[in-house]
Amino acid sequence: MIVRGRKRKDKSNDKLAAIIFLFLFVLGSVFLVAKSNAQIPAAGKTLMAFLSPFQNSFSWLGSQFTGLKDSVTEIQNLEEENKNLREEVEALRALNLNASESISENQRLRALLGYKQSATQFDLVAASIIGRESATWSSVVLINRGTFDGVADNMAVVTELGLVGHVVEAGVNTSKVQLLLDPRSSVGTLVQRPDSRVAGIVEGDINNPQQPQMVNIPKDANVQVGDMIVTSGFGGVYPKGIVVGKVLEIHNDEGGLLKHAVLATSVNFEKLEDVAVIVNSREAPPEPLPPVVQSNSAQADPAEAAKQMQKAKQIQQEVQAQVRQKQQQQLEEARLQQNAGGGN
């Protein structure tokens, strides 16, 4: 049984060898016939006819292999080209962002420059906001100008649109600016309308961080929705005539003697990036409020007219005193904080 198994295995090996030999012979004959340019004899023609199907098959396989190789090369080239295009697109996108940012910055600086040229009564130092205080209830920003640039405490900060706030702490190269929106801020203001000129104080509202209030307005004062509010110059921090905002709403206080106005600020504090510090002002001292227009009956009675003028003057003095008192409190708080920080 073992001998028969070996014989069968030897016969299988012989058949396999014969097949491989035949395949190699046919393959060699196909290549020789394909490359030969000589005249083929009659016997060769018979062989060529026999080998023709094999030659066609090998030609087809060769063309497919060549096509596959070309396809792989083309795919590699496309991938490389696609990679280069993606890199070029990213570079162009970054370039476009930088160009847009440069255009935006140029527009802001042009606006500030135009304001600097028009507001000849002020000496301005341009600055950029480089940080914001993290406390949610306060509105303090950090600018990139300090005492080295001529900036000092209690200097007003503005943009071409209006009032921003004032410097509360000037360092050598940076300064802290308390915004108009801060609840601790107080600004002496006037209604810009000529037939009104009502005085009041603008303060930040902790319950409405983006809309400060003009407070301490007499209940019967001539203030209307849409009135423009400007700085009065009282207190010595803010020069007179800087736009603060516009009256949106008017509400009576609980006591019934006063009312307050909700303002829309002229400056968009959410998009605030560049500001200017008023380091010097050549503005004349604030002028007294014009007399209140009297009715015919009041004009006919000099005593009544004098009484009303005295009342208006008293209101003005009270507002000035309140502004000075609040600013003095802010200075004392700042000194206490500075001393506490130095003690630590």
C-alpha atoms as a PDB file:
ATOM      1  CA  MET A   1       0.000   0.000   0.000  1.00  0.00           C
ATOM      2  CA  ILE A   2       2.834   2.331   0.785  1.00  0.00           C
ATOM      3  CA  VAL A   3       4.473   1.638  -2.580  1.00  0.00           C
ATOM      4  CA  ARG A   4       1.278   2.394  -4.472  1.00  0.00           C
ATOM      5  CA  GLY A   5       0.879   5.690  -2.603  1.00  0.00           C
ATOM      6  CA  ARG A   6       4.395   6.705  -3.476  1.00  0.00           C
ATOM      7  CA  LYS A   7       3.832   5.844  -7.144  1.00  0.00           C
ATOM      8  CA  ARG A   8       0.680   7.957  -7.256  1.00  0.00           C
ATOM      9  CA  LYS A   9       2.542  10.863  -5.629  1.00  0.00           C
ATOM     10  CA  ASP A  10       5.395  10.536  -8.113  1.00  0.00           C
ATOM     11  CA  LYS A  11       2.943  10.560 -11.018  1.00  0.00           C
ATOM     12  CA  SER A  12       1.286  13.734  -9.631  1.00  0.00           C
ATOM     13  CA  ASN A  13       4.662  15.408  -9.336  1.00  0.00           C
ATOM     14  CA  ASP A  14       5.521  14.414 -12.891  1.00  0.00           C
ATOM     15  CA  LYS A  15       2.239  15.838 -14.178  1.00  0.00           C
ATOM     16  CA  LEU A  16       2.835  19.100 -12.298  1.00  0.00           C
ATOM     17  CA  ALA A  17       6.344  19.372 -13.684  1.00  0.00           C
ATOM     18  CA  ALA A  18       5.075  18.682 -17.204  1.00  0.00           C
ATOM     19  CA  ILE A  19       2.425  21.395 -16.849  1.00  0.00           C
ATOM     20  CA  ILE A  20       4.966  23.928 -15.564  1.00  0.00           C
ATOM     21  CA  PHE A  21       7.359  23.027 -18.406  1.00  0.00           C
ATOM     22  CA  LEU A  22       4.591  23.387 -20.970  1.00  0.00           C
ATOM     23  CA  PHE A  23       3.570  26.750 -19.483  1.00  0.00           C
ATOM     24  CA  LEU A  24       7.130  28.030 -19.575  1.00  0.00           C
ATOM     25  CA  PHE A  25       7.581  26.720 -23.122  1.00  0.00           C
ATOM     26  CA  VAL A  26       4.385  28.424 -24.294  1.00  0.00           C
ATOM     27  CA  LEU A  27       5.333  31.645 -22.501  1.00  0.00           C
ATOM     28  CA  GLY A  28       8.785  31.666 -24.060  1.00  0.00           C
ATOM     29  CA  SER A  29       7.430  30.870 -27.488  1.00  0.00           C
ATOM     30  CA  VAL A  30       4.889  33.692 -27.246  1.00  0.00           C
ATOM     31  CA  PHE A  31       7.578  36.239 -26.398  1.00  0.00           C
ATOM     32  CA  LEU A  32       9.900  34.949 -29.104  1.00  0.00           C
ATOM     33  CA  VAL A  33       7.178  35.083 -31.737  1.00  0.00           C
ATOM     34  CA  ALA A  34       6.050  38.527 -30.570  1.00  0.00           C
ATOM     35  CA  LYS A  35       9.574  39.946 -30.809  1.00  0.00           C
ATOM     36  CA  SER A  36      10.649  38.189 -34.033  1.00  0.00           C
ATOM     37  CA  ASN A  37      10.564  40.219 -37.279  1.00  0.00           C
ATOM     38  CA  ALA A  38      11.836  37.375 -39.528  1.00  0.00           C
ATOM     39  CA  GLN A  39       9.801  35.372 -42.039  1.00  0.00           C
ATOM     40  CA  ILE A  40       7.858  32.589 -40.368  1.00  0.00           C
ATOM     41  CA  PRO A  41       7.947  29.126 -42.112  1.00  0.00           C
ATOM     42  CA  ALA A  42       4.891  26.977 -42.579  1.00  0.00           C
ATOM     43  CA  ALA A  43       5.581  24.935 -39.454  1.00  0.00           C
ATOM     44  CA  GLY A  44       6.025  28.165 -37.522  1.00  0.00           C
ATOM     45  CA  LYS A  45       2.695  29.400 -38.759  1.00  0.00           C
ATOM     46  CA  THR A  46       1.036  26.328 -37.313  1.00  0.00           C
ATOM     47  CA  LEU A  47       2.786  26.975 -34.018  1.00  0.00           C
ATOM     48  CA  MET A  48       1.796  30.642 -34.148  1.00  0.00           C
ATOM     49  CA  ALA A  49      -1.836  29.704 -34.779  1.00  0.00           C
ATOM     50  CA  PHE A  50      -1.652  27.410 -31.775  1.00  0.00           C
ATOM     51  CA  LEU A  51      -0.051  30.071 -29.625  1.00  0.00           C
ATOM     52  CA  SER A  52      -2.243  32.959 -30.810  1.00  0.00           C
ATOM     53  CA  PRO A  53      -4.879  32.619 -28.043  1.00  0.00           C
ATOM     54  CA  PHE A  54      -2.121  32.531 -25.445  1.00  0.00           C
ATOM     55  CA  GLN A  55      -0.447  35.552 -27.007  1.00  0.00           C
ATOM     56  CA  ASN A  56      -3.702  37.516 -26.956  1.00  0.00           C
ATOM     57  CA  SER A  57      -4.271  36.565 -23.327  1.00  0.00           C
ATOM     58  CA  PHE A  58      -0.777  37.619 -22.341  1.00  0.00           C
ATOM     59  CA  SER A  59      -1.143  40.864 -24.302  1.00  0.00           C
ATOM     60  CA  TRP A  60      -4.410  41.578 -22.529  1.00  0.00           C
ATOM     61  CA  LEU A  61      -2.857  40.809 -19.154  1.00  0.00           C
ATOM     62  CA  GLY A  62       0.080  43.069 -19.981  1.00  0.00           C
ATOM     63  CA  SER A  63      -2.168  45.948 -21.005  1.00  0.00           C
ATOM     64  CA  GLN A  64      -4.240  45.515 -17.843  1.00  0.00           C
ATOM     65  CA  PHE A  65      -1.127  45.539 -15.700  1.00  0.00           C
ATOM     66  CA  THR A  66       0.161  48.644 -17.469  1.00  0.00           C
ATOM     67  CA  GLY A  67      -3.229  50.344 -17.055  1.00  0.00           C
ATOM     68  CA  LEU A  68      -3.336  49.404 -13.364  1.00  0.00           C
ATOM     69  CA  LYS A  69       0.134  50.789 -12.859  1.00  0.00           C
ATOM     70  CA  ASP A  70      -0.824  54.041 -14.616  1.00  0.00           C
ATOM     71  CA  SER A  71      -4.002  54.278 -12.487  1.00  0.00           C
ATOM     72  CA  VAL A  72      -2.031  53.835  -9.261  1.00  0.00           C
ATOM     73  CA  THR A  73       0.455  56.493 -10.369  1.00  0.00           C
ATOM     74  CA  GLU A  74      -2.385  58.836 -11.297  1.00  0.00           C
ATOM     75  CA  ILE A  75      -4.095  58.282  -7.929  1.00  0.00           C
ATOM     76  CA  GLN A  76      -0.833  59.054  -6.125  1.00  0.00           C
ATOM     77  CA  ASN A  77      -0.400  62.221  -8.175  1.00  0.00           C
ATOM     78  CA  LEU A  78      -3.987  63.268  -7.446  1.00  0.00           C
ATOM     79  CA  GLU A  79      -3.517  62.689  -3.724  1.00  0.00           C
ATOM     80  CA  GLU A  80      -0.357  64.780  -3.729  1.00  0.00           C
ATOM     81  CA  GLU A  81      -2.053  67.513  -5.730  1.00  0.00           C
ATOM     82  CA  ASN A  82      -5.069  67.429  -3.400  1.00  0.00           C
ATOM     83  CA  LYS A  83      -2.783  67.754  -0.381  1.00  0.00           C
ATOM     84  CA  ASN A  84      -1.029  70.739  -1.944  1.00  0.00           C
ATOM     85  CA  LEU A  85      -4.388  72.342  -2.755  1.00  0.00           C
ATOM     86  CA  ARG A  86      -5.614  71.881   0.831  1.00  0.00           C
ATOM     87  CA  GLU A  87      -2.457  73.501   2.168  1.00  0.00           C
ATOM     88  CA  GLU A  88      -2.867  76.362  -0.282  1.00  0.00           C
ATOM     89  CA  VAL A  89      -6.519  76.840   0.736  1.00  0.00           C
ATOM     90  CA  GLU A  90      -5.563  76.960   4.441  1.00  0.00           C
ATOM     91  CA  ALA A  91      -2.833  79.489   3.705  1.00  0.00           C
ATOM     92  CA  LEU A  92      -5.254  81.641   1.708  1.00  0.00           C
ATOM     93  CA  ARG A  93      -7.865  81.407   4.466  1.00  0.00           C
ATOM     94  CA  ALA A  94      -5.346  82.543   7.078  1.00  0.00           C
ATOM     95  CA  LEU A  95      -4.217  85.346   4.792  1.00  0.00           C
ATOM     96  CA  ASN A  96      -7.833  86.424   4.295  1.00  0.00           C
ATOM     97  CA  LEU A  97      -8.465  86.466   8.051  1.00  0.00           C
ATOM     98  CA  ASN A  98      -5.360  88.556   8.637  1.00  0.00           C
ATOM     99  CA  ALA A  99      -6.387  90.946   5.869  1.00  0.00           C
ATOM    100  CA  SER A 100      -9.906  91.285   7.329  1.00  0.00           C
ATOM    101  CA  GLU A 101      -8.506  91.945  10.799  1.00  0.00           C
ATOM    102  CA  SER A 102      -6.097  94.545   9.410  1.00  0.00           C
ATOM    103  CA  ILE A 103      -8.927  96.278   7.543  1.00  0.00           C
ATOM    104  CA  SER A 104     -11.101  96.330  10.678  1.00  0.00           C
ATOM    105  CA  GLU A 105      -8.265  97.702  12.807  1.00  0.00           C
ATOM    106  CA  ASN A 106      -7.482 100.309  10.168  1.00  0.00           C
ATOM    107  CA  GLN A 107     -11.095 101.480  10.151  1.00  0.00           C
ATOM    108  CA  ARG A 108     -11.183 101.800  13.955  1.00  0.00           C
ATOM    109  CA  LEU A 109      -7.912 103.706  14.065  1.00  0.00           C
ATOM    110  CA  ARG A 110      -9.056 106.006  11.260  1.00  0.00           C
ATOM    111  CA  ALA A 111     -12.214 106.793  13.229  1.00  0.00           C
ATOM    112  CA  LEU A 112     -10.177 107.606  16.343  1.00  0.00           C
ATOM    113  CA  LEU A 113      -7.782 109.715  14.289  1.00  0.00           C
ATOM    114  CA  GLY A 114     -10.699 111.632  12.808  1.00  0.00           C
ATOM    115  CA  TYR A 115     -12.070 112.270  16.303  1.00  0.00           C
ATOM    116  CA  LYS A 116      -8.636 113.394  17.496  1.00  0.00           C
ATOM    117  CA  GLN A 117      -8.395 115.892  14.646  1.00  0.00           C
ATOM    118  CA  SER A 118     -11.919 117.234  15.220  1.00  0.00           C
ATOM    119  CA  ALA A 119     -11.803 117.382  19.045  1.00  0.00           C
ATOM    120  CA  THR A 120      -9.057 120.003  19.143  1.00  0.00           C
ATOM    121  CA  GLN A 121      -9.862 120.900  22.763  1.00  0.00           C
ATOM    122  CA  PHE A 122      -8.502 117.514  23.893  1.00  0.00           C
ATOM    123  CA  ASP A 123      -5.064 115.923  23.891  1.00  0.00           C
ATOM    124  CA  LEU A 124      -5.696 112.227  23.273  1.00  0.00           C
ATOM    125  CA  VAL A 125      -3.580 109.095  23.706  1.00  0.00           C
ATOM    126  CA  ALA A 126      -4.823 106.133  21.671  1.00  0.00           C
ATOM    127  CA  ALA A 127      -4.960 102.779  23.478  1.00  0.00           C
ATOM    128  CA  SER A 128      -6.157  99.224  22.933  1.00  0.00           C
ATOM    129  CA  ILE A 129      -8.034  97.017  25.375  1.00  0.00           C
ATOM    130  CA  ILE A 130      -5.866  94.049  26.340  1.00  0.00           C
ATOM    131  CA  GLY A 131      -7.917  92.526  29.173  1.00  0.00           C
ATOM    132  CA  ARG A 132     -11.181  92.541  31.090  1.00  0.00           C
ATOM    133  CA  GLU A 133     -11.905  92.045  34.773  1.00  0.00           C
ATOM    134  CA  SER A 134     -13.463  88.651  35.432  1.00  0.00           C
ATOM    135  CA  ALA A 135     -15.978  89.765  38.092  1.00  0.00           C
ATOM    136  CA  THR A 136     -19.496  89.616  36.642  1.00  0.00           C
ATOM    137  CA  TRP A 137     -20.791  92.574  38.645  1.00  0.00           C
ATOM    138  CA  SER A 138     -18.018  94.990  37.644  1.00  0.00           C
ATOM    139  CA  SER A 139     -17.041  96.572  34.354  1.00  0.00           C
ATOM    140  CA  VAL A 140     -13.304  97.252  34.363  1.00  0.00           C
ATOM    141  CA  VAL A 141     -10.939  96.819  31.403  1.00  0.00           C
ATOM    142  CA  LEU A 142      -7.170  96.935  31.021  1.00  0.00           C
ATOM    143  CA  ILE A 143      -5.573  99.159  28.366  1.00  0.00           C
ATOM    144  CA  ASN A 144      -1.999  99.136  27.026  1.00  0.00           C
ATOM    145  CA  ARG A 145      -1.114 102.699  28.085  1.00  0.00           C
ATOM    146  CA  GLY A 146       0.143 104.010  31.427  1.00  0.00           C
ATOM    147  CA  THR A 147       2.077 106.760  33.159  1.00  0.00           C
ATOM    148  CA  PHE A 148       4.926 106.337  30.676  1.00  0.00           C
ATOM    149  CA  ASP A 149       2.469 107.582  28.000  1.00  0.00           C
ATOM    150  CA  GLY A 150       1.116 110.430  30.138  1.00  0.00           C
ATOM    151  CA  VAL A 151      -1.916 108.565  31.506  1.00  0.00           C
ATOM    152  CA  ALA A 152      -2.926 109.246  35.125  1.00  0.00           C
ATOM    153  CA  ASP A 153      -5.753 108.372  37.496  1.00  0.00           C
ATOM    154  CA  ASN A 154      -9.167 110.009  36.927  1.00  0.00           C
ATOM    155  CA  MET A 155      -8.570 110.746  33.252  1.00  0.00           C
ATOM    156  CA  ALA A 156     -11.607 110.341  31.000  1.00  0.00           C
ATOM    157  CA  VAL A 157     -11.614 107.601  28.350  1.00  0.00           C
ATOM    158  CA  VAL A 158     -13.623 107.999  25.140  1.00  0.00           C
ATOM    159  CA  THR A 159     -14.098 106.818  21.566  1.00  0.00           C
ATOM    160  CA  GLU A 160     -15.267 108.773  18.548  1.00  0.00           C
ATOM    161  CA  LEU A 161     -18.832 107.759  19.529  1.00  0.00           C
ATOM    162  CA  GLY A 162     -18.813 108.985  23.102  1.00  0.00           C
ATOM    163  CA  LEU A 163     -17.875 108.324  26.718  1.00  0.00           C
ATOM    164  CA  VAL A 164     -16.314 105.017  27.808  1.00  0.00           C
ATOM    165  CA  GLY A 165     -15.309 105.648  31.428  1.00  0.00           C
ATOM    166  CA  HIS A 166     -12.299 106.871  33.391  1.00  0.00           C
ATOM    167  CA  VAL A 167      -8.908 105.615  34.575  1.00  0.00           C
ATOM    168  CA  VAL A 168      -9.029 104.234  38.118  1.00  0.00           C
ATOM    169  CA  GLU A 169      -5.493 102.848  38.347  1.00  0.00           C
ATOM    170  CA  ALA A 170      -2.616 103.946  36.112  1.00  0.00           C
ATOM    171  CA  GLY A 171       0.438 101.706  35.968  1.00  0.00           C
ATOM    172  CA  VAL A 172       3.675 102.287  34.117  1.00  0.00           C
ATOM    173  CA  ASN A 173       2.629 100.634  30.848  1.00  0.00           C
ATOM    174  CA  THR A 174      -0.984  99.584  31.520  1.00  0.00           C
ATOM    175  CA  SER A 175      -4.014 101.129  33.196  1.00  0.00           C
ATOM    176  CA  LYS A 176      -7.368  99.996  34.569  1.00  0.00           C
ATOM    177  CA  VAL A 177     -10.427 101.764  33.193  1.00  0.00           C
ATOM    178  CA  GLN A 178     -13.762 101.718  34.981  1.00  0.00           C
ATOM    179  CA  LEU A 179     -16.487 101.691  32.345  1.00  0.00           C
ATOM    180  CA  LEU A 180     -19.591 103.820  32.353  1.00  0.00           C
ATOM    181  CA  LEU A 181     -21.555 100.576  32.892  1.00  0.00           C
ATOM    182  CA  ASP A 182     -19.941  99.800  36.249  1.00  0.00           C
ATOM    183  CA  PRO A 183     -22.404 100.128  39.178  1.00  0.00           C
ATOM    184  CA  ARG A 184     -19.711 102.030  41.117  1.00  0.00           C
ATOM    185  CA  SER A 185     -19.380 104.630  38.352  1.00  0.00           C
ATOM    186  CA  SER A 186     -21.024 108.070  38.513  1.00  0.00           C
ATOM    187  CA  VAL A 187     -21.008 110.751  35.836  1.00  0.00           C
ATOM    188  CA  GLY A 188     -22.472 114.239  36.053  1.00  0.00           C
ATOM    189  CA  THR A 189     -24.684 114.747  32.986  1.00  0.00           C
ATOM    190  CA  LEU A 190     -27.089 117.135  31.252  1.00  0.00           C
ATOM    191  CA  VAL A 191     -29.941 116.769  28.812  1.00  0.00           C
ATOM    192  CA  GLN A 192     -28.500 118.200  25.607  1.00  0.00           C
ATOM    193  CA  ARG A 193     -31.809 119.681  24.404  1.00  0.00           C
ATOM    194  CA  PRO A 194     -31.558 123.520  24.688  1.00  0.00           C
ATOM    195  CA  ASP A 195     -35.005 123.973  26.234  1.00  0.00           C
ATOM    196  CA  SER A 196     -34.299 121.356  28.913  1.00  0.00           C
ATOM    197  CA  ARG A 197     -30.665 121.210  30.176  1.00  0.00           C
ATOM    198  CA  VAL A 198     -31.816 119.099  33.131  1.00  0.00           C
ATOM    199  CA  ALA A 199     -28.924 117.865  35.303  1.00  0.00           C
ATOM    200  CA  GLY A 200     -28.556 114.377  36.725  1.00  0.00           C
ATOM    201  CA  ILE A 201     -26.114 111.580  37.511  1.00  0.00           C
ATOM    202  CA  VAL A 202     -25.543 108.549  35.269  1.00  0.00           C
ATOM    203  CA  GLU A 203     -24.750 105.321  37.127  1.00  0.00           C
ATOM    204  CA  GLY A 204     -24.321 101.706  36.108  1.00  0.00           C
ATOM    205  CA  ASP A 205     -27.206  99.379  36.905  1.00  0.00           C
ATOM    206  CA  ILE A 206     -26.225  95.982  38.339  1.00  0.00           C
ATOM    207  CA  ASN A 207     -29.598  94.563  37.249  1.00  0.00           C
ATOM    208  CA  ASN A 208     -29.226  95.873  33.688  1.00  0.00           C
ATOM    209  CA  PRO A 209     -25.484  95.803  32.919  1.00  0.00           C
ATOM    210  CA  GLN A 210     -25.722  97.191  29.364  1.00  0.00           C
ATOM    211  CA  GLN A 211     -28.048 100.131  30.102  1.00  0.00           C
ATOM    212  CA  PRO A 212     -27.028 102.652  32.797  1.00  0.00           C
ATOM    213  CA  GLN A 213     -29.489 105.021  34.471  1.00  0.00           C
ATOM    214  CA  MET A 214     -29.675 108.773  34.815  1.00  0.00           C
ATOM    215  CA  VAL A 215     -30.847 109.271  38.395  1.00  0.00           C
ATOM    216  CA  ASN A 216     -31.822 112.150  40.710  1.00  0.00           C
ATOM    217  CA  ILE A 217     -34.058 113.773  38.114  1.00  0.00           C
ATOM    218  CA  PRO A 218     -36.825 115.968  39.615  1.00  0.00           C
ATOM    219  CA  LYS A 219     -40.250 114.510  38.931  1.00  0.00           C
ATOM    220  CA  ASP A 220     -41.451 117.559  36.990  1.00  0.00           C
ATOM    221  CA  ALA A 221     -38.165 118.007  35.052  1.00  0.00           C
ATOM    222  CA  ASN A 222     -38.326 118.365  31.274  1.00  0.00           C
ATOM    223  CA  VAL A 223     -36.840 115.029  30.190  1.00  0.00           C
ATOM    224  CA  GLN A 224     -38.221 113.034  27.251  1.00  0.00           C
ATOM    225  CA  VAL A 225     -37.627 109.709  25.561  1.00  0.00           C
ATOM    226  CA  GLY A 226     -35.087 110.257  22.783  1.00  0.00           C
ATOM    227  CA  ASP A 227     -33.187 113.050  24.555  1.00  0.00           C
ATOM    228  CA  MET A 228     -29.399 112.931  24.148  1.00  0.00           C
ATOM    229  CA  ILE A 229     -27.435 112.944  27.413  1.00  0.00           C
ATOM    230  CA  VAL A 230     -23.963 114.559  27.596  1.00  0.00           C
ATOM    231  CA  THR A 231     -21.425 115.096  30.359  1.00  0.00           C
ATOM    232  CA  SER A 232     -21.987 118.232  32.414  1.00  0.00           C
ATOM    233  CA  GLY A 233     -18.373 118.823  33.440  1.00  0.00           C
ATOM    234  CA  PHE A 234     -19.299 118.785  37.142  1.00  0.00           C
ATOM    235  CA  GLY A 235     -16.726 117.114  39.383  1.00  0.00           C
ATOM    236  CA  GLY A 236     -13.673 117.752  37.230  1.00  0.00           C
ATOM    237  CA  VAL A 237     -13.159 114.197  35.876  1.00  0.00           C
ATOM    238  CA  TYR A 238     -15.178 114.292  32.676  1.00  0.00           C
ATOM    239  CA  PRO A 239     -14.967 117.324  30.370  1.00  0.00           C
ATOM    240  CA  LYS A 240     -18.245 118.880  29.408  1.00  0.00           C
ATOM    241  CA  GLY A 241     -20.169 117.921  26.288  1.00  0.00           C
ATOM    242  CA  ILE A 242     -19.084 114.283  25.728  1.00  0.00           C
ATOM    243  CA  VAL A 243     -21.986 112.175  24.489  1.00  0.00           C
ATOM    244  CA  VAL A 244     -23.125 109.530  26.994  1.00  0.00           C
ATOM    245  CA  GLY A 245     -26.250 108.067  25.403  1.00  0.00           C
ATOM    246  CA  LYS A 246     -29.928 108.458  24.586  1.00  0.00           C
ATOM    247  CA  VAL A 247     -33.001 108.172  26.834  1.00  0.00           C
ATOM    248  CA  LEU A 248     -34.923 104.945  26.227  1.00  0.00           C
ATOM    249  CA  GLU A 249     -37.352 104.891  29.153  1.00  0.00           C
ATOM    250  CA  ILE A 250     -38.412 107.137  32.037  1.00  0.00           C
ATOM    251  CA  HIS A 251     -39.668 105.758  35.371  1.00  0.00           C
ATOM    252  CA  ASN A 252     -40.853 107.406  38.603  1.00  0.00           C
ATOM    253  CA  ASP A 253     -38.968 106.483  41.788  1.00  0.00           C
ATOM    254  CA  GLU A 254     -40.783 105.010  44.758  1.00  0.00           C
ATOM    255  CA  GLY A 255     -40.599 108.212  46.798  1.00  0.00           C
ATOM    256  CA  GLY A 256     -42.524 110.137  44.176  1.00  0.00           C
ATOM    257  CA  LEU A 257     -40.248 113.190  44.200  1.00  0.00           C
ATOM    258  CA  LEU A 258     -37.671 111.963  41.690  1.00  0.00           C
ATOM    259  CA  LYS A 259     -37.509 109.858  38.540  1.00  0.00           C
ATOM    260  CA  HIS A 260     -34.821 108.084  36.579  1.00  0.00           C
ATOM    261  CA  ALA A 261     -34.150 107.491  32.881  1.00  0.00           C
ATOM    262  CA  VAL A 262     -32.812 104.300  31.299  1.00  0.00           C
ATOM    263  CA  LEU A 263     -30.149 105.069  28.690  1.00  0.00           C
ATOM    264  CA  ALA A 264     -28.851 103.396  25.549  1.00  0.00           C
ATOM    265  CA  THR A 265     -25.128 104.158  25.537  1.00  0.00           C
ATOM    266  CA  SER A 266     -23.599 105.722  22.450  1.00  0.00           C
ATOM    267  CA  VAL A 267     -20.658 103.300  22.695  1.00  0.00           C
ATOM    268  CA  ASN A 268     -21.163  99.604  21.957  1.00  0.00           C
ATOM    269  CA  PHE A 269     -19.274  98.132  24.918  1.00  0.00           C
ATOM    270  CA  GLU A 270     -19.615  94.557  23.651  1.00  0.00           C
ATOM    271  CA  LYS A 271     -17.466  95.429  20.603  1.00  0.00           C
ATOM    272  CA  LEU A 272     -15.104  97.848  22.336  1.00  0.00           C
ATOM    273  CA  GLU A 273     -11.474  97.334  21.247  1.00  0.00           C
ATOM    274  CA  ASP A 274      -9.761 100.721  20.822  1.00  0.00           C
ATOM    275  CA  VAL A 275     -10.171 103.830  22.978  1.00  0.00           C
ATOM    276  CA  ALA A 276      -8.540 107.202  23.605  1.00  0.00           C
ATOM    277  CA  VAL A 277      -7.520 108.729  26.938  1.00  0.00           C
ATOM    278  CA  ILE A 278      -8.045 112.470  27.402  1.00  0.00           C
ATOM    279  CA  VAL A 279      -4.697 113.432  28.966  1.00  0.00           C
ATOM    280  CA  ASN A 280      -5.337 117.166  28.717  1.00  0.00           C
ATOM    281  CA  SER A 281      -8.355 119.397  28.113  1.00  0.00           C
ATOM    282  CA  ARG A 282      -8.362 123.032  27.101  1.00  0.00           C
ATOM    283  CA  GLU A 283     -12.089 123.333  27.595  1.00  0.00           C
ATOM    284  CA  ALA A 284     -13.379 126.339  29.513  1.00  0.00           C
ATOM    285  CA  PRO A 285     -14.991 125.718  32.936  1.00  0.00           C
ATOM    286  CA  PRO A 286     -18.611 124.575  32.729  1.00  0.00           C
ATOM    287  CA  GLU A 287     -21.076 127.376  32.176  1.00  0.00           C
ATOM    288  CA  PRO A 288     -23.985 127.762  34.601  1.00  0.00           C
ATOM    289  CA  LEU A 289     -27.292 126.279  33.560  1.00  0.00           C
ATOM    290  CA  PRO A 290     -29.483 128.673  31.574  1.00  0.00           C
ATOM    291  CA  PRO A 291     -32.515 130.036  33.442  1.00  0.00           C
ATOM    292  CA  VAL A 292     -35.710 128.025  33.178  1.00  0.00           C
ATOM    293  CA  VAL A 293     -38.188 129.458  30.677  1.00  0.00           C
ATOM    294  CA  GLN A 294     -40.932 131.069  32.708  1.00  0.00           C
ATOM    295  CA  SER A 295     -44.612 131.307  31.931  1.00  0.00           C
ATOM    296  CA  ASN A 296     -46.301 134.676  31.405  1.00  0.00           C
ATOM    297  CA  SER A 297     -47.650 134.675  34.947  1.00  0.00           C
ATOM    298  CA  ALA A 298     -44.208 133.936  36.411  1.00  0.00           C
ATOM    299  CA  GLN A 299     -42.586 136.644  34.285  1.00  0.00           C
ATOM    300  CA  ALA A 300     -45.171 139.091  35.550  1.00  0.00           C
ATOM    301  CA  ASP A 301     -44.172 138.312  39.158  1.00  0.00           C
ATOM    302  CA  PRO A 302     -40.455 139.052  39.731  1.00  0.00           C
ATOM    303  CA  ALA A 303     -40.553 137.451  43.171  1.00  0.00           C
ATOM    304  CA  GLU A 304     -41.875 134.161  41.759  1.00  0.00           C
ATOM    305  CA  ALA A 305     -39.288 134.210  38.959  1.00  0.00           C
ATOM    306  CA  ALA A 306     -36.474 134.767  41.468  1.00  0.00           C
ATOM    307  CA  LYS A 307     -37.810 131.925  43.600  1.00  0.00           C
ATOM    308  CA  GLN A 308     -37.792 129.480  40.671  1.00  0.00           C
ATOM    309  CA  MET A 309     -34.303 130.540  39.607  1.00  0.00           C
ATOM    310  CA  GLN A 310     -33.091 130.000  43.169  1.00  0.00           C
ATOM    311  CA  LYS A 311     -34.672 126.532  43.167  1.00  0.00           C
ATOM    312  CA  ALA A 312     -32.954 125.599  39.877  1.00  0.00           C
ATOM    313  CA  LYS A 313     -29.627 126.819  41.244  1.00  0.00           C
ATOM    314  CA  GLN A 314     -30.107 124.798  44.417  1.00  0.00           C
ATOM    315  CA  ILE A 315     -30.817 121.617  42.376  1.00  0.00           C
ATOM    316  CA  GLN A 316     -27.664 122.234  40.353  1.00  0.00           C
ATOM    317  CA  GLN A 317     -25.573 122.647  43.508  1.00  0.00           C
ATOM    318  CA  GLU A 318     -27.026 119.475  45.018  1.00  0.00           C
ATOM    319  CA  VAL A 319     -26.171 117.479  41.902  1.00  0.00           C
ATOM    320  CA  GLN A 320     -22.614 118.821  41.895  1.00  0.00           C
ATOM    321  CA  ALA A 321     -22.219 117.967  45.581  1.00  0.00           C
ATOM    322  CA  GLN A 322     -23.496 114.414  45.009  1.00  0.00           C
ATOM    323  CA  VAL A 323     -21.070 113.883  42.136  1.00  0.00           C
ATOM    324  CA  ARG A 324     -18.127 115.147  44.180  1.00  0.00           C
ATOM    325  CA  GLN A 325     -19.147 113.035  47.180  1.00  0.00           C
ATOM    326  CA  LYS A 326     -19.397 109.838  45.145  1.00  0.00           C
ATOM    327  CA  GLN A 327     -16.079 110.468  43.414  1.00  0.00           C
ATOM    328  CA  GLN A 328     -14.461 111.107  46.798  1.00  0.00           C
ATOM    329  CA  GLN A 329     -15.840 107.784  48.030  1.00  0.00           C
ATOM    330  CA  GLN A 330     -14.358 106.052  45.010  1.00  0.00           C
ATOM    331  CA  LEU A 331     -10.952 107.598  45.669  1.00  0.00           C
ATOM    332  CA  GLU A 332     -11.072 106.521  49.331  1.00  0.00           C
ATOM    333  CA  GLU A 333     -12.031 102.970  48.315  1.00  0.00           C
ATOM    334  CA  ALA A 334      -9.175 102.873  45.822  1.00  0.00           C
ATOM    335  CA  ARG A 335      -6.696 104.059  48.485  1.00  0.00           C
ATOM    336  CA  LEU A 336      -7.940 101.459  50.969  1.00  0.00           C
ATOM    337  CA  GLN A 337      -7.626  98.689  48.389  1.00  0.00           C
ATOM    338  CA  GLN A 338      -4.114  99.851  47.468  1.00  0.00           C
ATOM    339  CA  ASN A 339      -3.061  99.949  51.135  1.00  0.00           C
ATOM    340  CA  ALA A 340      -4.570  96.522  51.744  1.00  0.00           C
ATOM    341  CA  GLY A 341      -2.723  95.132  48.739  1.00  0.00           C
ATOM    342  CA  GLY A 342       0.548  96.666  49.908  1.00  0.00           C
ATOM    343  CA  GLY A 343       0.050  95.251  53.400  1.00  0.00           C
ATOM    344  CA  ASN A 344      -0.336  91.737  52.015  1.00  0.00           C
END
